[in-house]
Amino acid sequence: MADEPVNFFAIPSATFAQPGGGKLQLDSLKGRPTVVNFWATWCPPCREELPLLAKVHVRYEKKYRGKVGFLGLAVEDNAEFVGEYAHAYGLRYPVAVGREPAIALMQALGNTQAGMPYTVVLDSEGRVVYSKRGMVKEKDLDHALAQLLRP
């Protein structure tokens, strides 16, 4: 019998700070497929990957109008610096920060070494349907999301 997929929403997690103030509750992602990317400003492969994620987000937003969520979780503590960085890279999706809670969440999702970048695709119920430690490829995100967006 195959293992049940990890459920993102079943993992106890902290609230994450957002640039400009405010807090992000991970439960707010429920109800739609979502791409969650763990990254950091000090991580060269993360910085290299950000333009791809920004491009994919814009494409999905145009085509599906909010039916696919994107979230960047920065493994850092300075929300304002991360916000400036996300703006410079053209990220139009929400970003949030929390060094320790992000590391714990990555580890609970199967990335025991907490290597980054780390990306997961969740179905609308929070089950992890795709995960990748290291830089993602656009075709892999498209394939994972296509399975979730079929009519």
N, C-alpha and C. Protein backbone atom coordinates (compact mmCIF):
# COMPACT_ATOMS: atom_id res chain seq x y z
N MET A 1 0.84 -1.17 0.00
CA MET A 1 0.00 0.00 0.00
C MET A 1 0.89 1.24 0.00
N ALA A 2 0.58 2.19 -0.89
CA ALA A 2 1.39 3.39 -1.02
C ALA A 2 1.15 4.33 0.16
N ASP A 3 2.19 5.07 0.49
CA ASP A 3 2.05 6.07 1.55
C ASP A 3 1.10 7.16 1.11
N GLU A 4 0.33 7.67 2.06
CA GLU A 4 -0.53 8.83 1.80
C GLU A 4 0.37 10.03 1.52
N PRO A 5 -0.02 10.89 0.57
CA PRO A 5 0.79 12.09 0.37
C PRO A 5 0.77 12.97 1.62
N VAL A 6 1.84 13.70 1.83
CA VAL A 6 1.92 14.61 2.96
C VAL A 6 0.86 15.69 2.77
N ASN A 7 0.16 16.03 3.86
CA ASN A 7 -0.82 17.11 3.79
C ASN A 7 -0.24 18.35 4.45
N PHE A 8 -0.06 19.36 3.65
CA PHE A 8 0.52 20.63 4.06
C PHE A 8 -0.22 21.24 5.25
N PHE A 9 -1.54 21.15 5.23
CA PHE A 9 -2.34 21.80 6.27
C PHE A 9 -2.41 20.99 7.56
N ALA A 10 -1.97 19.73 7.52
CA ALA A 10 -1.96 18.91 8.72
C ALA A 10 -0.69 19.11 9.54
N ILE A 11 0.29 19.81 8.95
CA ILE A 11 1.56 20.05 9.63
C ILE A 11 1.41 21.29 10.51
N PRO A 12 1.67 21.16 11.81
CA PRO A 12 1.60 22.35 12.66
C PRO A 12 2.62 23.39 12.17
N SER A 13 2.18 24.60 12.00
CA SER A 13 3.12 25.62 11.54
C SER A 13 2.81 26.96 12.19
N ALA A 14 3.80 27.79 12.18
CA ALA A 14 3.67 29.13 12.75
C ALA A 14 3.04 30.06 11.72
N THR A 15 2.71 31.22 12.19
CA THR A 15 2.29 32.29 11.30
C THR A 15 3.54 32.96 10.78
N PHE A 16 3.52 33.36 9.52
CA PHE A 16 4.68 33.98 8.89
C PHE A 16 4.44 35.48 8.72
N ALA A 17 5.49 36.27 8.94
CA ALA A 17 5.40 37.73 8.77
C ALA A 17 5.44 38.07 7.29
N GLN A 18 4.74 39.15 6.93
CA GLN A 18 4.73 39.61 5.55
C GLN A 18 5.37 40.99 5.46
N PRO A 19 6.01 41.28 4.33
CA PRO A 19 6.55 42.62 4.14
C PRO A 19 5.42 43.64 4.23
N GLY A 20 5.71 44.79 4.82
CA GLY A 20 4.69 45.81 4.97
C GLY A 20 3.80 45.60 6.19
N GLY A 21 4.09 44.57 6.95
CA GLY A 21 3.29 44.27 8.13
C GLY A 21 2.27 43.20 7.83
N GLY A 22 1.68 42.71 8.84
CA GLY A 22 0.69 41.67 8.67
C GLY A 22 1.30 40.29 8.81
N LYS A 23 0.43 39.34 8.97
CA LYS A 23 0.83 37.95 9.15
C LYS A 23 0.10 37.10 8.13
N LEU A 24 0.74 36.02 7.72
CA LEU A 24 0.14 35.09 6.78
C LEU A 24 -0.15 33.79 7.51
N GLN A 25 -1.38 33.38 7.49
CA GLN A 25 -1.77 32.07 8.00
C GLN A 25 -1.76 31.11 6.81
N LEU A 26 -1.08 30.00 6.93
CA LEU A 26 -0.99 29.06 5.82
C LEU A 26 -2.35 28.49 5.43
N ASP A 27 -3.29 28.46 6.35
CA ASP A 27 -4.64 27.99 6.03
C ASP A 27 -5.29 28.83 4.94
N SER A 28 -4.82 30.05 4.74
CA SER A 28 -5.40 30.92 3.72
C SER A 28 -5.17 30.37 2.30
N LEU A 29 -4.31 29.39 2.18
CA LEU A 29 -4.02 28.79 0.86
C LEU A 29 -5.03 27.70 0.49
N LYS A 30 -5.83 27.29 1.43
CA LYS A 30 -6.77 26.18 1.18
C LYS A 30 -7.74 26.52 0.06
N GLY A 31 -8.12 25.48 -0.67
CA GLY A 31 -9.18 25.62 -1.64
C GLY A 31 -8.75 25.79 -3.08
N ARG A 32 -7.45 25.85 -3.33
CA ARG A 32 -6.98 25.94 -4.72
C ARG A 32 -5.58 25.37 -4.81
N PRO A 33 -5.22 24.84 -5.97
CA PRO A 33 -3.84 24.36 -6.13
C PRO A 33 -2.88 25.53 -5.87
N THR A 34 -1.75 25.20 -5.24
CA THR A 34 -0.81 26.25 -4.86
C THR A 34 0.63 25.78 -5.03
N VAL A 35 1.45 26.68 -5.55
CA VAL A 35 2.90 26.46 -5.64
C VAL A 35 3.52 27.20 -4.46
N VAL A 36 4.26 26.48 -3.63
CA VAL A 36 4.96 27.08 -2.49
C VAL A 36 6.46 26.91 -2.73
N ASN A 37 7.16 28.04 -2.75
CA ASN A 37 8.60 28.03 -3.00
C ASN A 37 9.33 28.56 -1.77
N PHE A 38 10.24 27.74 -1.24
CA PHE A 38 11.10 28.14 -0.12
C PHE A 38 12.39 28.68 -0.71
N TRP A 39 12.79 29.87 -0.30
CA TRP A 39 13.96 30.52 -0.89
C TRP A 39 14.59 31.45 0.13
N ALA A 40 15.73 32.02 -0.27
CA ALA A 40 16.40 33.01 0.58
C ALA A 40 17.19 33.96 -0.31
N THR A 41 17.36 35.18 0.16
CA THR A 41 18.10 36.19 -0.61
C THR A 41 19.57 35.83 -0.75
N TRP A 42 20.11 35.07 0.20
CA TRP A 42 21.53 34.72 0.20
C TRP A 42 21.82 33.43 -0.58
N CYS A 43 20.81 32.85 -1.21
CA CYS A 43 20.93 31.57 -1.91
C CYS A 43 21.01 31.80 -3.42
N PRO A 44 22.21 31.64 -4.04
CA PRO A 44 22.34 31.91 -5.48
C PRO A 44 21.36 31.13 -6.37
N PRO A 45 21.15 29.81 -6.17
CA PRO A 45 20.18 29.13 -7.03
C PRO A 45 18.75 29.66 -6.84
N CYS A 46 18.44 30.10 -5.63
CA CYS A 46 17.11 30.68 -5.37
C CYS A 46 16.94 31.95 -6.21
N ARG A 47 17.96 32.80 -6.18
CA ARG A 47 17.89 34.05 -6.95
C ARG A 47 17.79 33.76 -8.44
N GLU A 48 18.47 32.73 -8.90
CA GLU A 48 18.41 32.37 -10.31
C GLU A 48 17.02 31.85 -10.69
N GLU A 49 16.35 31.20 -9.77
CA GLU A 49 15.04 30.61 -10.03
C GLU A 49 13.89 31.62 -9.97
N LEU A 50 14.04 32.70 -9.22
CA LEU A 50 12.95 33.65 -9.01
C LEU A 50 12.34 34.21 -10.29
N PRO A 51 13.13 34.60 -11.31
CA PRO A 51 12.49 35.10 -12.54
C PRO A 51 11.59 34.06 -13.22
N LEU A 52 11.96 32.79 -13.16
CA LEU A 52 11.12 31.74 -13.72
C LEU A 52 9.80 31.67 -12.97
N LEU A 53 9.86 31.68 -11.65
CA LEU A 53 8.63 31.62 -10.85
C LEU A 53 7.75 32.83 -11.10
N ALA A 54 8.36 34.01 -11.23
CA ALA A 54 7.59 35.22 -11.53
C ALA A 54 6.88 35.07 -12.88
N LYS A 55 7.58 34.55 -13.87
CA LYS A 55 7.00 34.37 -15.20
C LYS A 55 5.86 33.35 -15.18
N VAL A 56 6.07 32.22 -14.52
CA VAL A 56 5.04 31.19 -14.45
C VAL A 56 3.81 31.71 -13.72
N HIS A 57 4.03 32.45 -12.64
CA HIS A 57 2.90 33.03 -11.89
C HIS A 57 2.06 33.94 -12.79
N VAL A 58 2.70 34.83 -13.52
CA VAL A 58 1.97 35.77 -14.39
C VAL A 58 1.18 34.99 -15.43
N ARG A 59 1.78 33.98 -16.00
CA ARG A 59 1.08 33.18 -17.02
C ARG A 59 -0.15 32.49 -16.44
N TYR A 60 -0.01 31.90 -15.26
CA TYR A 60 -1.15 31.21 -14.64
C TYR A 60 -2.21 32.21 -14.17
N GLU A 61 -1.79 33.37 -13.73
CA GLU A 61 -2.75 34.39 -13.30
C GLU A 61 -3.58 34.86 -14.50
N LYS A 62 -2.94 35.06 -15.64
CA LYS A 62 -3.67 35.49 -16.84
C LYS A 62 -4.66 34.41 -17.30
N LYS A 63 -4.20 33.17 -17.27
CA LYS A 63 -5.03 32.09 -17.80
C LYS A 63 -6.12 31.64 -16.82
N TYR A 64 -5.80 31.57 -15.54
CA TYR A 64 -6.73 30.98 -14.57
C TYR A 64 -7.32 31.97 -13.57
N ARG A 65 -6.89 33.22 -13.61
CA ARG A 65 -7.47 34.29 -12.80
C ARG A 65 -7.70 33.92 -11.33
N GLY A 66 -6.61 33.64 -10.64
CA GLY A 66 -6.69 33.39 -9.20
C GLY A 66 -7.02 31.96 -8.80
N LYS A 67 -7.15 31.06 -9.75
CA LYS A 67 -7.47 29.67 -9.42
C LYS A 67 -6.24 28.86 -9.02
N VAL A 68 -5.05 29.45 -9.20
CA VAL A 68 -3.80 28.81 -8.78
C VAL A 68 -3.08 29.79 -7.87
N GLY A 69 -2.74 29.35 -6.66
CA GLY A 69 -2.03 30.20 -5.73
C GLY A 69 -0.52 30.03 -5.83
N PHE A 70 0.20 31.06 -5.49
CA PHE A 70 1.66 31.04 -5.41
C PHE A 70 2.04 31.69 -4.10
N LEU A 71 3.06 31.15 -3.46
CA LEU A 71 3.57 31.72 -2.22
C LEU A 71 5.07 31.51 -2.15
N GLY A 72 5.78 32.56 -1.82
CA GLY A 72 7.21 32.46 -1.57
C GLY A 72 7.46 32.55 -0.08
N LEU A 73 8.04 31.51 0.50
CA LEU A 73 8.39 31.52 1.93
C LEU A 73 9.90 31.69 2.04
N ALA A 74 10.30 32.86 2.50
CA ALA A 74 11.72 33.16 2.63
C ALA A 74 12.23 32.66 3.98
N VAL A 75 13.34 31.95 3.91
CA VAL A 75 13.96 31.40 5.11
C VAL A 75 14.87 32.49 5.69
N GLU A 76 14.23 33.53 6.19
CA GLU A 76 14.89 34.72 6.71
C GLU A 76 13.99 35.34 7.76
N ASP A 77 14.49 36.37 8.42
CA ASP A 77 13.71 37.04 9.44
C ASP A 77 13.33 38.48 9.09
N ASN A 78 14.01 39.11 8.15
CA ASN A 78 13.79 40.52 7.83
C ASN A 78 12.76 40.65 6.71
N ALA A 79 11.50 40.85 7.09
CA ALA A 79 10.41 40.89 6.11
C ALA A 79 10.56 42.05 5.14
N GLU A 80 11.01 43.20 5.61
CA GLU A 80 11.11 44.36 4.71
C GLU A 80 12.19 44.13 3.65
N PHE A 81 13.33 43.58 4.05
CA PHE A 81 14.39 43.29 3.08
C PHE A 81 13.90 42.28 2.05
N VAL A 82 13.23 41.24 2.50
CA VAL A 82 12.69 40.23 1.59
C VAL A 82 11.67 40.85 0.65
N GLY A 83 10.85 41.75 1.16
CA GLY A 83 9.87 42.43 0.31
C GLY A 83 10.53 43.25 -0.78
N GLU A 84 11.59 43.97 -0.44
CA GLU A 84 12.33 44.75 -1.43
C GLU A 84 12.94 43.82 -2.48
N TYR A 85 13.47 42.73 -2.03
CA TYR A 85 14.09 41.75 -2.93
C TYR A 85 13.04 41.16 -3.88
N ALA A 86 11.89 40.78 -3.32
CA ALA A 86 10.82 40.20 -4.14
C ALA A 86 10.35 41.21 -5.17
N HIS A 87 10.24 42.47 -4.77
CA HIS A 87 9.83 43.51 -5.71
C HIS A 87 10.86 43.66 -6.84
N ALA A 88 12.14 43.66 -6.48
CA ALA A 88 13.21 43.79 -7.48
C ALA A 88 13.18 42.64 -8.49
N TYR A 89 12.75 41.48 -8.06
CA TYR A 89 12.68 40.31 -8.95
C TYR A 89 11.32 40.17 -9.63
N GLY A 90 10.43 41.12 -9.39
CA GLY A 90 9.14 41.11 -10.08
C GLY A 90 8.14 40.10 -9.57
N LEU A 91 8.30 39.67 -8.32
CA LEU A 91 7.35 38.70 -7.76
C LEU A 91 6.05 39.43 -7.44
N ARG A 92 4.97 38.98 -8.04
CA ARG A 92 3.66 39.60 -7.82
C ARG A 92 2.78 38.73 -6.93
N TYR A 93 3.33 37.65 -6.46
CA TYR A 93 2.58 36.78 -5.56
C TYR A 93 3.03 37.05 -4.12
N PRO A 94 2.24 36.61 -3.15
CA PRO A 94 2.60 36.88 -1.75
C PRO A 94 3.92 36.23 -1.35
N VAL A 95 4.66 36.95 -0.54
CA VAL A 95 5.86 36.40 0.08
C VAL A 95 5.72 36.60 1.59
N ALA A 96 6.33 35.71 2.32
CA ALA A 96 6.31 35.79 3.78
C ALA A 96 7.64 35.26 4.29
N VAL A 97 7.96 35.59 5.53
CA VAL A 97 9.26 35.21 6.09
C VAL A 97 9.12 34.55 7.45
N GLY A 98 10.12 33.78 7.77
CA GLY A 98 10.21 33.12 9.07
C GLY A 98 11.27 32.05 8.99
N ARG A 99 12.44 32.37 9.44
CA ARG A 99 13.57 31.44 9.31
C ARG A 99 13.29 30.08 9.93
N GLU A 100 13.09 30.05 11.23
CA GLU A 100 12.89 28.77 11.92
C GLU A 100 11.61 28.04 11.49
N PRO A 101 10.46 28.75 11.40
CA PRO A 101 9.26 28.02 10.99
C PRO A 101 9.34 27.51 9.55
N ALA A 102 10.02 28.23 8.68
CA ALA A 102 10.15 27.78 7.29
C ALA A 102 11.03 26.52 7.22
N ILE A 103 12.11 26.51 7.99
CA ILE A 103 12.98 25.32 8.01
C ILE A 103 12.19 24.12 8.54
N ALA A 104 11.46 24.31 9.62
CA ALA A 104 10.67 23.21 10.19
C ALA A 104 9.62 22.72 9.20
N LEU A 105 8.99 23.63 8.48
CA LEU A 105 7.98 23.24 7.50
C LEU A 105 8.60 22.47 6.34
N MET A 106 9.73 22.95 5.84
CA MET A 106 10.43 22.22 4.77
C MET A 106 10.77 20.80 5.21
N GLN A 107 11.28 20.66 6.42
CA GLN A 107 11.66 19.34 6.92
C GLN A 107 10.44 18.44 7.06
N ALA A 108 9.34 18.98 7.52
CA ALA A 108 8.11 18.20 7.65
C ALA A 108 7.57 17.77 6.29
N LEU A 109 7.90 18.55 5.26
CA LEU A 109 7.46 18.23 3.89
C LEU A 109 8.41 17.27 3.18
N GLY A 110 9.41 16.79 3.89
CA GLY A 110 10.31 15.79 3.32
C GLY A 110 11.69 16.27 2.95
N ASN A 111 11.94 17.56 3.06
CA ASN A 111 13.24 18.13 2.75
C ASN A 111 14.05 18.17 4.05
N THR A 112 14.50 17.00 4.50
CA THR A 112 15.12 16.87 5.81
C THR A 112 16.40 17.69 5.96
N GLN A 113 17.11 17.92 4.87
CA GLN A 113 18.35 18.70 4.92
C GLN A 113 18.08 20.20 4.80
N ALA A 114 16.81 20.56 4.50
CA ALA A 114 16.41 21.97 4.33
C ALA A 114 17.22 22.66 3.25
N GLY A 115 17.57 21.91 2.19
CA GLY A 115 18.27 22.50 1.05
C GLY A 115 17.33 23.38 0.24
N MET A 116 17.89 24.41 -0.34
CA MET A 116 17.07 25.34 -1.12
C MET A 116 17.72 25.63 -2.47
N PRO A 117 16.86 26.06 -3.39
CA PRO A 117 15.43 26.27 -3.26
C PRO A 117 14.68 24.95 -3.12
N TYR A 118 13.48 25.05 -2.60
CA TYR A 118 12.62 23.87 -2.43
C TYR A 118 11.21 24.30 -2.80
N THR A 119 10.59 23.55 -3.71
CA THR A 119 9.28 23.90 -4.21
C THR A 119 8.34 22.72 -4.06
N VAL A 120 7.13 23.01 -3.60
CA VAL A 120 6.08 22.00 -3.54
C VAL A 120 4.85 22.53 -4.27
N VAL A 121 4.12 21.60 -4.88
CA VAL A 121 2.83 21.92 -5.47
C VAL A 121 1.79 21.17 -4.65
N LEU A 122 0.79 21.91 -4.19
CA LEU A 122 -0.28 21.36 -3.37
C LEU A 122 -1.56 21.28 -4.18
N ASP A 123 -2.36 20.24 -3.93
CA ASP A 123 -3.70 20.25 -4.50
C ASP A 123 -4.58 21.14 -3.63
N SER A 124 -5.84 21.28 -3.97
CA SER A 124 -6.72 22.21 -3.25
C SER A 124 -6.97 21.80 -1.81
N GLU A 125 -6.69 20.54 -1.48
CA GLU A 125 -6.86 20.05 -0.11
C GLU A 125 -5.56 20.10 0.69
N GLY A 126 -4.47 20.50 0.05
CA GLY A 126 -3.20 20.61 0.75
C GLY A 126 -2.27 19.42 0.61
N ARG A 127 -2.68 18.42 -0.18
CA ARG A 127 -1.80 17.26 -0.39
C ARG A 127 -0.67 17.64 -1.34
N VAL A 128 0.54 17.24 -0.98
CA VAL A 128 1.70 17.53 -1.83
C VAL A 128 1.68 16.56 -3.01
N VAL A 129 1.58 17.12 -4.22
CA VAL A 129 1.55 16.30 -5.43
C VAL A 129 2.87 16.37 -6.20
N TYR A 130 3.73 17.31 -5.83
CA TYR A 130 5.02 17.46 -6.49
C TYR A 130 5.95 18.18 -5.51
N SER A 131 7.19 17.74 -5.46
CA SER A 131 8.19 18.47 -4.67
C SER A 131 9.53 18.37 -5.37
N LYS A 132 10.33 19.41 -5.22
CA LYS A 132 11.63 19.45 -5.87
C LYS A 132 12.59 20.27 -5.01
N ARG A 133 13.68 19.63 -4.61
CA ARG A 133 14.78 20.35 -3.97
C ARG A 133 15.75 20.70 -5.08
N GLY A 134 16.12 21.96 -5.15
CA GLY A 134 16.90 22.45 -6.28
C GLY A 134 15.98 23.23 -7.21
N MET A 135 16.55 23.75 -8.25
CA MET A 135 15.77 24.61 -9.15
C MET A 135 14.73 23.80 -9.93
N VAL A 136 13.52 24.36 -9.98
CA VAL A 136 12.45 23.71 -10.73
C VAL A 136 12.55 24.08 -12.20
N LYS A 137 11.93 23.24 -13.00
CA LYS A 137 11.82 23.52 -14.43
C LYS A 137 10.37 23.89 -14.72
N GLU A 138 10.19 24.79 -15.65
CA GLU A 138 8.85 25.25 -15.99
C GLU A 138 7.96 24.09 -16.42
N LYS A 139 8.51 23.16 -17.20
CA LYS A 139 7.69 22.04 -17.68
C LYS A 139 7.23 21.15 -16.53
N ASP A 140 8.02 21.03 -15.48
CA ASP A 140 7.63 20.21 -14.33
C ASP A 140 6.49 20.87 -13.55
N LEU A 141 6.56 22.19 -13.38
CA LEU A 141 5.46 22.90 -12.72
C LEU A 141 4.19 22.78 -13.57
N ASP A 142 4.34 22.98 -14.87
CA ASP A 142 3.18 22.88 -15.76
C ASP A 142 2.54 21.50 -15.68
N HIS A 143 3.37 20.47 -15.66
CA HIS A 143 2.85 19.10 -15.60
C HIS A 143 2.11 18.86 -14.28
N ALA A 144 2.69 19.27 -13.17
CA ALA A 144 2.06 19.07 -11.86
C ALA A 144 0.74 19.84 -11.78
N LEU A 145 0.73 21.08 -12.25
CA LEU A 145 -0.49 21.88 -12.18
C LEU A 145 -1.55 21.41 -13.16
N ALA A 146 -1.14 20.92 -14.31
CA ALA A 146 -2.12 20.43 -15.30
C ALA A 146 -2.95 19.30 -14.73
N GLN A 147 -2.34 18.45 -13.92
CA GLN A 147 -3.07 17.35 -13.31
C GLN A 147 -4.16 17.87 -12.37
N LEU A 148 -3.94 19.03 -11.78
CA LEU A 148 -4.87 19.59 -10.80
C LEU A 148 -5.92 20.49 -11.41
N LEU A 149 -5.69 20.95 -12.63
CA LEU A 149 -6.59 21.92 -13.25
C LEU A 149 -7.47 21.31 -14.32
N ARG A 150 -7.43 20.01 -14.45
CA ARG A 150 -8.30 19.35 -15.43
C ARG A 150 -9.76 19.57 -15.05
N PRO A 151 -10.61 19.86 -16.07
CA PRO A 151 -12.04 20.05 -15.76
C PRO A 151 -12.71 18.80 -15.30
